Amino acid sequence: MSDADDSAGWFHQSNNPHARFRLFCFPHAGGGAAKFYTWASELPAELEVLPAKLPGREERFREPAVRSLPELVESLGAALPDAQGLPFAFLGHSMGALVAFELARLLRHAGRAAPACLFVAACPAPQVLKVSNPLHKLPDDEFFRELRQRYGGVPDAVAASPELTALLLPTIRADFTAVETYAYREEPPLDCPIVALAGDADGEVSVADVSAWRRQTAGAFSLHIFPGGHFFLHDAPRNSARLVSRRALATLAGRGESQ
């Protein structure tokens, strides 16, 4: 994996001395590493969470966001920190699930260590992903209005501030460009188990489309449905964090694919 300087720029690292398992997390479109701080507080100390720090947000706000998903995955692959001999997994939320999936494929192509598990939340399986009405080409006002109507998740304080909206829109638009121009390539399924998470009130991503991730693994697959919409992972973090914790600890105990 990468050297410390590169990985520090791309991943938040807690340097947890008690870690026995590392969980690399990838946010939804427009989201940042901070989205996983509260979520991670629900996990035991032996599970170290390393959220991705993407350009265009938080401490990297002055950097332009990446508009190509393959380019983003290449950069993350080059910067992925050493797991220090620990088992590791990827967790992606919405756009982040596609990033995690393609990053797992990139590691396979390069002959590098593979994740012990892939957690995908609120995202259609890549082979069924369809973009019928792309948002990234819309004018700013219409783009922002459609974004709020389809997905929610934009705080009222942000929506009410033209200044904040103008600051955030370029990054969100870049992320949607990356997702909506993503081209799935048929390949053999991954060897690692896939755990898929869906919200029962997600108006944009159906449970059926999330369950289609089953085709992307030659290992075990499980589907878990949670109450909530597209942002259930962060709106009620305890339930999803407990599931991830249980599966990670099962992997540590050598039972990852049998749970």
C-alpha atoms as a PDB file:
ATOM      1  CA  MET A   1       0.000   0.000   0.000  1.00  0.00           C
ATOM      2  CA  SER A   2       1.060   3.662   0.021  1.00  0.00           C
ATOM      3  CA  ASP A   3       3.549   5.565   2.115  1.00  0.00           C
ATOM      4  CA  ALA A   4       2.384   7.498   5.168  1.00  0.00           C
ATOM      5  CA  ASP A   5       2.519  10.972   3.587  1.00  0.00           C
ATOM      6  CA  ASP A   6       0.202  10.067   0.699  1.00  0.00           C
ATOM      7  CA  SER A   7      -2.266   8.116   2.827  1.00  0.00           C
ATOM      8  CA  ALA A   8      -2.493  10.887   5.446  1.00  0.00           C
ATOM      9  CA  GLY A   9      -3.794  13.222   2.746  1.00  0.00           C
ATOM     10  CA  TRP A  10      -6.476  10.820   1.591  1.00  0.00           C
ATOM     11  CA  PHE A  11      -7.536   8.992   4.775  1.00  0.00           C
ATOM     12  CA  HIS A  12      -8.240  10.081   8.332  1.00  0.00           C
ATOM     13  CA  GLN A  13      -6.077   7.943  10.589  1.00  0.00           C
ATOM     14  CA  SER A  14      -6.639   7.542  14.323  1.00  0.00           C
ATOM     15  CA  ASN A  15      -3.472   5.512  14.993  1.00  0.00           C
ATOM     16  CA  ASN A  16      -5.484   3.302  17.299  1.00  0.00           C
ATOM     17  CA  PRO A  17      -3.099   1.011  19.243  1.00  0.00           C
ATOM     18  CA  HIS A  18      -5.970  -1.336  20.075  1.00  0.00           C
ATOM     19  CA  ALA A  19      -7.015  -1.916  16.469  1.00  0.00           C
ATOM     20  CA  ARG A  20      -7.431  -5.494  15.305  1.00  0.00           C
ATOM     21  CA  PHE A  21      -9.441  -4.696  12.166  1.00  0.00           C
ATOM     22  CA  ARG A  22      -9.365  -1.690   9.817  1.00  0.00           C
ATOM     23  CA  LEU A  23     -12.481  -0.323   8.116  1.00  0.00           C
ATOM     24  CA  PHE A  24     -11.943   2.079   5.202  1.00  0.00           C
ATOM     25  CA  CYS A  25     -15.061   4.196   4.637  1.00  0.00           C
ATOM     26  CA  PHE A  26     -16.156   6.083   1.514  1.00  0.00           C
ATOM     27  CA  PRO A  27     -18.878   8.779   1.673  1.00  0.00           C
ATOM     28  CA  HIS A  28     -21.930   9.550  -0.395  1.00  0.00           C
ATOM     29  CA  ALA A  29     -21.882  12.264  -3.077  1.00  0.00           C
ATOM     30  CA  GLY A  30     -21.093  15.594  -1.440  1.00  0.00           C
ATOM     31  CA  GLY A  31     -20.204  13.896   1.847  1.00  0.00           C
ATOM     32  CA  GLY A  32     -16.911  13.937   3.686  1.00  0.00           C
ATOM     33  CA  ALA A  33     -14.896  12.033   6.256  1.00  0.00           C
ATOM     34  CA  ALA A  34     -16.752  13.751   9.111  1.00  0.00           C
ATOM     35  CA  LYS A  35     -19.894  11.831   8.151  1.00  0.00           C
ATOM     36  CA  PHE A  36     -18.292   8.735   9.683  1.00  0.00           C
ATOM     37  CA  TYR A  37     -17.001  10.237  12.949  1.00  0.00           C
ATOM     38  CA  THR A  38     -20.283   9.882  14.860  1.00  0.00           C
ATOM     39  CA  TRP A  39     -21.023   6.587  13.149  1.00  0.00           C
ATOM     40  CA  ALA A  40     -17.594   5.253  14.168  1.00  0.00           C
ATOM     41  CA  SER A  41     -18.235   6.145  17.814  1.00  0.00           C
ATOM     42  CA  GLU A  42     -20.736   3.276  17.888  1.00  0.00           C
ATOM     43  CA  LEU A  43     -17.999   0.725  17.092  1.00  0.00           C
ATOM     44  CA  PRO A  44     -15.675  -1.006  19.586  1.00  0.00           C
ATOM     45  CA  ALA A  45     -12.101   0.286  19.858  1.00  0.00           C
ATOM     46  CA  GLU A  46     -10.673  -2.810  18.178  1.00  0.00           C
ATOM     47  CA  LEU A  47     -12.292  -1.718  14.894  1.00  0.00           C
ATOM     48  CA  GLU A  48     -10.338   1.229  13.495  1.00  0.00           C
ATOM     49  CA  VAL A  49     -12.303   3.435  11.110  1.00  0.00           C
ATOM     50  CA  LEU A  50     -10.373   5.259   8.360  1.00  0.00           C
ATOM     51  CA  PRO A  51     -12.745   7.534   6.410  1.00  0.00           C
ATOM     52  CA  ALA A  52     -11.605   8.756   3.002  1.00  0.00           C
ATOM     53  CA  LYS A  53     -10.796  12.474   2.781  1.00  0.00           C
ATOM     54  CA  LEU A  54     -11.809  13.421  -0.737  1.00  0.00           C
ATOM     55  CA  PRO A  55     -10.836  16.615  -2.594  1.00  0.00           C
ATOM     56  CA  GLY A  56     -13.339  19.465  -2.595  1.00  0.00           C
ATOM     57  CA  ARG A  57     -14.515  19.176   1.009  1.00  0.00           C
ATOM     58  CA  GLU A  58     -13.427  19.733   4.609  1.00  0.00           C
ATOM     59  CA  GLU A  59      -9.659  20.284   4.920  1.00  0.00           C
ATOM     60  CA  ARG A  60      -9.274  19.712   1.160  1.00  0.00           C
ATOM     61  CA  PHE A  61     -11.972  22.246   0.302  1.00  0.00           C
ATOM     62  CA  ARG A  62      -9.708  24.344  -1.929  1.00  0.00           C
ATOM     63  CA  GLU A  63      -8.871  21.360  -4.147  1.00  0.00           C
ATOM     64  CA  PRO A  64     -11.197  20.643  -7.081  1.00  0.00           C
ATOM     65  CA  ALA A  65     -13.377  17.591  -6.620  1.00  0.00           C
ATOM     66  CA  VAL A  66     -12.702  14.668  -8.952  1.00  0.00           C
ATOM     67  CA  ARG A  67     -15.271  14.329 -11.748  1.00  0.00           C
ATOM     68  CA  SER A  68     -14.290  10.820 -12.876  1.00  0.00           C
ATOM     69  CA  LEU A  69     -14.907   7.729 -10.762  1.00  0.00           C
ATOM     70  CA  PRO A  70     -12.020   5.742 -12.319  1.00  0.00           C
ATOM     71  CA  GLU A  71      -9.663   8.668 -11.642  1.00  0.00           C
ATOM     72  CA  LEU A  72     -10.847   8.880  -8.042  1.00  0.00           C
ATOM     73  CA  VAL A  73     -10.383   5.137  -7.532  1.00  0.00           C
ATOM     74  CA  GLU A  74      -6.860   5.259  -9.009  1.00  0.00           C
ATOM     75  CA  SER A  75      -5.903   8.042  -6.603  1.00  0.00           C
ATOM     76  CA  LEU A  76      -7.371   6.204  -3.626  1.00  0.00           C
ATOM     77  CA  GLY A  77      -5.610   3.004  -4.613  1.00  0.00           C
ATOM     78  CA  ALA A  78      -2.263   4.792  -4.766  1.00  0.00           C
ATOM     79  CA  ALA A  79      -2.863   6.378  -1.355  1.00  0.00           C
ATOM     80  CA  LEU A  80      -4.457   3.433   0.484  1.00  0.00           C
ATOM     81  CA  PRO A  81      -2.552   3.121   3.784  1.00  0.00           C
ATOM     82  CA  ASP A  82      -0.893  -0.053   4.919  1.00  0.00           C
ATOM     83  CA  ALA A  83      -3.275  -2.275   6.887  1.00  0.00           C
ATOM     84  CA  GLN A  84      -0.279  -3.233   9.069  1.00  0.00           C
ATOM     85  CA  GLY A  85      -1.023  -6.920   8.745  1.00  0.00           C
ATOM     86  CA  LEU A  86      -4.574  -6.468  10.032  1.00  0.00           C
ATOM     87  CA  PRO A  87      -7.634  -7.688   8.166  1.00  0.00           C
ATOM     88  CA  PHE A  88      -9.508  -4.818   6.578  1.00  0.00           C
ATOM     89  CA  ALA A  89     -12.829  -4.122   4.931  1.00  0.00           C
ATOM     90  CA  PHE A  90     -14.353  -1.415   2.733  1.00  0.00           C
ATOM     91  CA  LEU A  91     -17.622   0.343   3.506  1.00  0.00           C
ATOM     92  CA  GLY A  92     -19.234   2.662   0.990  1.00  0.00           C
ATOM     93  CA  HIS A  93     -22.401   4.728   1.215  1.00  0.00           C
ATOM     94  CA  SER A  94     -24.213   5.479  -2.064  1.00  0.00           C
ATOM     95  CA  MET A  95     -21.493   6.858  -4.393  1.00  0.00           C
ATOM     96  CA  GLY A  96     -18.980   5.513  -1.893  1.00  0.00           C
ATOM     97  CA  ALA A  97     -20.233   1.968  -2.496  1.00  0.00           C
ATOM     98  CA  LEU A  98     -19.265   2.202  -6.172  1.00  0.00           C
ATOM     99  CA  VAL A  99     -15.883   3.628  -5.153  1.00  0.00           C
ATOM    100  CA  ALA A 100     -15.320   0.797  -2.653  1.00  0.00           C
ATOM    101  CA  PHE A 101     -16.345  -1.824  -5.214  1.00  0.00           C
ATOM    102  CA  GLU A 102     -14.058  -0.505  -7.945  1.00  0.00           C
ATOM    103  CA  LEU A 103     -11.225  -0.088  -5.443  1.00  0.00           C
ATOM    104  CA  ALA A 104     -11.576  -3.760  -4.484  1.00  0.00           C
ATOM    105  CA  ARG A 105     -11.357  -4.624  -8.196  1.00  0.00           C
ATOM    106  CA  LEU A 106      -8.285  -2.409  -8.591  1.00  0.00           C
ATOM    107  CA  LEU A 107      -6.540  -4.245  -5.746  1.00  0.00           C
ATOM    108  CA  ARG A 108      -7.358  -7.552  -7.416  1.00  0.00           C
ATOM    109  CA  HIS A 109      -5.928  -6.367 -10.748  1.00  0.00           C
ATOM    110  CA  ALA A 110      -2.740  -5.283  -8.982  1.00  0.00           C
ATOM    111  CA  GLY A 111      -2.370  -8.534  -7.038  1.00  0.00           C
ATOM    112  CA  ARG A 112      -2.632  -6.676  -3.744  1.00  0.00           C
ATOM    113  CA  ALA A 113      -4.273  -7.789  -0.494  1.00  0.00           C
ATOM    114  CA  ALA A 114      -8.050  -7.905  -0.769  1.00  0.00           C
ATOM    115  CA  PRO A 115     -10.632  -6.636   1.713  1.00  0.00           C
ATOM    116  CA  ALA A 116     -12.039  -9.280   4.038  1.00  0.00           C
ATOM    117  CA  CYS A 117     -15.528  -7.911   3.373  1.00  0.00           C
ATOM    118  CA  LEU A 118     -17.286  -5.273   1.280  1.00  0.00           C
ATOM    119  CA  PHE A 119     -20.123  -3.321   2.931  1.00  0.00           C
ATOM    120  CA  VAL A 120     -22.351  -1.423   0.479  1.00  0.00           C
ATOM    121  CA  ALA A 121     -25.142   0.896   1.629  1.00  0.00           C
ATOM    122  CA  ALA A 122     -27.940   2.716  -0.235  1.00  0.00           C
ATOM    123  CA  CYS A 123     -26.542   1.958  -3.675  1.00  0.00           C
ATOM    124  CA  PRO A 124     -27.835  -0.119  -6.590  1.00  0.00           C
ATOM    125  CA  ALA A 125     -25.563  -2.923  -7.698  1.00  0.00           C
ATOM    126  CA  PRO A 126     -23.360  -1.596 -10.495  1.00  0.00           C
ATOM    127  CA  GLN A 127     -24.792  -3.905 -13.150  1.00  0.00           C
ATOM    128  CA  VAL A 128     -28.323  -2.529 -12.566  1.00  0.00           C
ATOM    129  CA  LEU A 129     -27.364   1.115 -12.065  1.00  0.00           C
ATOM    130  CA  LYS A 130     -29.344   3.274 -14.489  1.00  0.00           C
ATOM    131  CA  VAL A 131     -29.161   7.029 -15.040  1.00  0.00           C
ATOM    132  CA  SER A 132     -32.302   8.075 -16.901  1.00  0.00           C
ATOM    133  CA  ASN A 133     -32.393  11.751 -15.904  1.00  0.00           C
ATOM    134  CA  PRO A 134     -28.842  12.876 -15.040  1.00  0.00           C
ATOM    135  CA  LEU A 135     -28.628  15.737 -12.583  1.00  0.00           C
ATOM    136  CA  HIS A 136     -25.091  16.919 -13.208  1.00  0.00           C
ATOM    137  CA  LYS A 137     -26.018  18.742 -16.438  1.00  0.00           C
ATOM    138  CA  LEU A 138     -28.807  20.828 -14.901  1.00  0.00           C
ATOM    139  CA  PRO A 139     -28.475  24.565 -14.139  1.00  0.00           C
ATOM    140  CA  ASP A 140     -27.558  25.297 -10.526  1.00  0.00           C
ATOM    141  CA  ASP A 141     -31.042  26.176  -9.249  1.00  0.00           C
ATOM    142  CA  GLU A 142     -32.671  23.172 -10.860  1.00  0.00           C
ATOM    143  CA  PHE A 143     -29.814  20.877  -9.843  1.00  0.00           C
ATOM    144  CA  PHE A 144     -30.108  21.889  -6.193  1.00  0.00           C
ATOM    145  CA  ARG A 145     -33.899  21.631  -6.208  1.00  0.00           C
ATOM    146  CA  GLU A 146     -33.829  18.136  -7.726  1.00  0.00           C
ATOM    147  CA  LEU A 147     -31.105  17.087  -5.311  1.00  0.00           C
ATOM    148  CA  ARG A 148     -33.228  18.015  -2.313  1.00  0.00           C
ATOM    149  CA  GLN A 149     -36.418  16.498  -3.725  1.00  0.00           C
ATOM    150  CA  ARG A 150     -34.864  13.173  -4.691  1.00  0.00           C
ATOM    151  CA  TYR A 151     -32.446  12.558  -1.850  1.00  0.00           C
ATOM    152  CA  GLY A 152     -33.033  15.029   0.975  1.00  0.00           C
ATOM    153  CA  GLY A 153     -30.055  15.217   3.271  1.00  0.00           C
ATOM    154  CA  VAL A 154     -29.341  18.925   2.651  1.00  0.00           C
ATOM    155  CA  PRO A 155     -29.705  20.823   5.944  1.00  0.00           C
ATOM    156  CA  ASP A 156     -32.250  23.669   5.909  1.00  0.00           C
ATOM    157  CA  ALA A 157     -29.530  26.087   7.019  1.00  0.00           C
ATOM    158  CA  VAL A 158     -27.523  25.265   3.898  1.00  0.00           C
ATOM    159  CA  ALA A 159     -30.530  25.464   1.597  1.00  0.00           C
ATOM    160  CA  ALA A 160     -31.433  28.867   3.025  1.00  0.00           C
ATOM    161  CA  SER A 161     -27.982  30.324   2.410  1.00  0.00           C
ATOM    162  CA  PRO A 162     -27.105  31.225  -1.203  1.00  0.00           C
ATOM    163  CA  GLU A 163     -23.473  31.643  -0.130  1.00  0.00           C
ATOM    164  CA  LEU A 164     -23.212  28.142   1.367  1.00  0.00           C
ATOM    165  CA  THR A 165     -25.079  26.649  -1.558  1.00  0.00           C
ATOM    166  CA  ALA A 166     -22.702  28.280  -4.035  1.00  0.00           C
ATOM    167  CA  LEU A 167     -19.712  26.914  -2.106  1.00  0.00           C
ATOM    168  CA  LEU A 168     -21.019  23.342  -1.917  1.00  0.00           C
ATOM    169  CA  LEU A 169     -22.590  22.897  -5.349  1.00  0.00           C
ATOM    170  CA  PRO A 170     -19.364  22.447  -7.383  1.00  0.00           C
ATOM    171  CA  THR A 171     -18.277  19.486  -5.259  1.00  0.00           C
ATOM    172  CA  ILE A 172     -21.716  17.876  -5.249  1.00  0.00           C
ATOM    173  CA  ARG A 173     -22.006  18.373  -9.004  1.00  0.00           C
ATOM    174  CA  ALA A 174     -18.560  16.829  -9.532  1.00  0.00           C
ATOM    175  CA  ASP A 175     -19.556  13.789  -7.464  1.00  0.00           C
ATOM    176  CA  PHE A 176     -22.785  13.344  -9.420  1.00  0.00           C
ATOM    177  CA  THR A 177     -20.811  13.673 -12.644  1.00  0.00           C
ATOM    178  CA  ALA A 178     -18.529  10.853 -11.469  1.00  0.00           C
ATOM    179  CA  VAL A 179     -21.495   8.602 -10.657  1.00  0.00           C
ATOM    180  CA  GLU A 180     -23.653   9.453 -13.659  1.00  0.00           C
ATOM    181  CA  THR A 181     -20.799   8.910 -16.145  1.00  0.00           C
ATOM    182  CA  TYR A 182     -19.641   5.680 -14.489  1.00  0.00           C
ATOM    183  CA  ALA A 183     -19.486   2.767 -16.941  1.00  0.00           C
ATOM    184  CA  TYR A 184     -19.727  -0.696 -15.392  1.00  0.00           C
ATOM    185  CA  ARG A 185     -17.417  -3.343 -16.846  1.00  0.00           C
ATOM    186  CA  GLU A 186     -18.297  -7.019 -16.631  1.00  0.00           C
ATOM    187  CA  GLU A 187     -15.696  -8.999 -14.643  1.00  0.00           C
ATOM    188  CA  PRO A 188     -15.675 -12.133 -12.481  1.00  0.00           C
ATOM    189  CA  PRO A 189     -17.267 -11.547  -9.072  1.00  0.00           C
ATOM    190  CA  LEU A 190     -15.149 -10.629  -6.072  1.00  0.00           C
ATOM    191  CA  ASP A 191     -14.052 -13.369  -3.700  1.00  0.00           C
ATOM    192  CA  CYS A 192     -14.825 -11.430  -0.529  1.00  0.00           C
ATOM    193  CA  PRO A 193     -18.269 -11.517   1.097  1.00  0.00           C
ATOM    194  CA  ILE A 194     -20.606  -8.614   0.391  1.00  0.00           C
ATOM    195  CA  VAL A 195     -22.947  -7.212   3.030  1.00  0.00           C
ATOM    196  CA  ALA A 196     -25.595  -4.959   1.476  1.00  0.00           C
ATOM    197  CA  LEU A 197     -27.588  -2.412   3.492  1.00  0.00           C
ATOM    198  CA  ALA A 198     -30.789  -0.697   2.344  1.00  0.00           C
ATOM    199  CA  GLY A 199     -33.281   1.789   3.761  1.00  0.00           C
ATOM    200  CA  ASP A 200     -36.914   0.739   3.645  1.00  0.00           C
ATOM    201  CA  ALA A 201     -38.016   4.303   2.809  1.00  0.00           C
ATOM    202  CA  ASP A 202     -35.277   5.170   0.317  1.00  0.00           C
ATOM    203  CA  GLY A 203     -37.154   6.782  -2.564  1.00  0.00           C
ATOM    204  CA  GLU A 204     -34.200   6.626  -4.973  1.00  0.00           C
ATOM    205  CA  VAL A 205     -32.685   3.185  -4.353  1.00  0.00           C
ATOM    206  CA  SER A 206     -34.950   0.152  -4.157  1.00  0.00           C
ATOM    207  CA  VAL A 207     -34.297  -2.862  -1.974  1.00  0.00           C
ATOM    208  CA  ALA A 208     -34.352  -5.001  -5.130  1.00  0.00           C
ATOM    209  CA  ASP A 209     -31.540  -2.986  -6.696  1.00  0.00           C
ATOM    210  CA  VAL A 210     -29.469  -3.248  -3.507  1.00  0.00           C
ATOM    211  CA  SER A 211     -30.103  -7.002  -3.330  1.00  0.00           C
ATOM    212  CA  ALA A 212     -28.623  -7.303  -6.849  1.00  0.00           C
ATOM    213  CA  TRP A 213     -25.158  -6.920  -5.267  1.00  0.00           C
ATOM    214  CA  ARG A 214     -25.459 -10.672  -4.693  1.00  0.00           C
ATOM    215  CA  ARG A 215     -24.130 -11.181  -8.236  1.00  0.00           C
ATOM    216  CA  GLN A 216     -20.882  -9.362  -7.461  1.00  0.00           C
ATOM    217  CA  THR A 217     -19.470 -11.913  -5.004  1.00  0.00           C
ATOM    218  CA  ALA A 218     -18.403 -15.529  -5.253  1.00  0.00           C
ATOM    219  CA  GLY A 219     -18.494 -15.621  -1.456  1.00  0.00           C
ATOM    220  CA  ALA A 220     -21.262 -15.075   1.062  1.00  0.00           C
ATOM    221  CA  PHE A 221     -23.910 -12.413   0.559  1.00  0.00           C
ATOM    222  CA  SER A 222     -26.389 -10.910   2.988  1.00  0.00           C
ATOM    223  CA  LEU A 223     -28.976  -8.146   2.680  1.00  0.00           C
ATOM    224  CA  HIS A 224     -30.074  -6.068   5.653  1.00  0.00           C
ATOM    225  CA  ILE A 225     -32.962  -3.596   5.555  1.00  0.00           C
ATOM    226  CA  PHE A 226     -33.060  -0.676   7.987  1.00  0.00           C
ATOM    227  CA  PRO A 227     -35.784   1.851   8.754  1.00  0.00           C
ATOM    228  CA  GLY A 228     -35.135   5.162   7.040  1.00  0.00           C
ATOM    229  CA  GLY A 229     -34.407   6.846   3.752  1.00  0.00           C
ATOM    230  CA  HIS A 230     -31.288   7.300   1.676  1.00  0.00           C
ATOM    231  CA  PHE A 231     -29.246   8.522   4.652  1.00  0.00           C
ATOM    232  CA  PHE A 232     -30.267   5.848   7.170  1.00  0.00           C
ATOM    233  CA  LEU A 233     -26.597   5.011   7.751  1.00  0.00           C
ATOM    234  CA  HIS A 234     -26.016   8.373   9.455  1.00  0.00           C
ATOM    235  CA  ASP A 235     -29.523   9.314  10.590  1.00  0.00           C
ATOM    236  CA  ALA A 236     -29.631   6.317  12.948  1.00  0.00           C
ATOM    237  CA  PRO A 237     -26.020   5.097  13.117  1.00  0.00           C
ATOM    238  CA  ARG A 238     -26.324   2.636  15.979  1.00  0.00           C
ATOM    239  CA  ASN A 239     -28.194  -0.103  14.096  1.00  0.00           C
ATOM    240  CA  SER A 240     -25.951  -0.166  11.033  1.00  0.00           C
ATOM    241  CA  ALA A 241     -22.775   0.205  13.111  1.00  0.00           C
ATOM    242  CA  ARG A 242     -23.755  -2.777  15.227  1.00  0.00           C
ATOM    243  CA  LEU A 243     -24.239  -4.897  12.126  1.00  0.00           C
ATOM    244  CA  VAL A 244     -20.851  -3.898  10.706  1.00  0.00           C
ATOM    245  CA  SER A 245     -19.225  -4.517  14.077  1.00  0.00           C
ATOM    246  CA  ARG A 246     -20.776  -7.970  14.340  1.00  0.00           C
ATOM    247  CA  ARG A 247     -19.595  -8.979  10.874  1.00  0.00           C
ATOM    248  CA  ALA A 248     -16.103  -7.579  11.403  1.00  0.00           C
ATOM    249  CA  LEU A 249     -15.697  -9.395  14.712  1.00  0.00           C
ATOM    250  CA  ALA A 250     -16.955 -12.598  13.082  1.00  0.00           C
ATOM    251  CA  THR A 251     -14.204 -12.203  10.481  1.00  0.00           C
ATOM    252  CA  LEU A 252     -11.623 -11.803  13.251  1.00  0.00           C
ATOM    253  CA  ALA A 253     -12.901 -15.016  14.799  1.00  0.00           C
ATOM    254  CA  GLY A 254     -12.552 -16.844  11.493  1.00  0.00           C
ATOM    255  CA  ARG A 255     -16.314 -17.017  10.969  1.00  0.00           C
ATOM    256  CA  GLY A 256     -16.779 -14.126   8.557  1.00  0.00           C
ATOM    257  CA  GLU A 257     -18.482 -16.089   5.791  1.00  0.00           C
ATOM    258  CA  SER A 258     -20.601 -18.292   7.985  1.00  0.00           C
ATOM    259  CA  GLN A 259     -22.536 -15.603   9.867  1.00  0.00           C
END
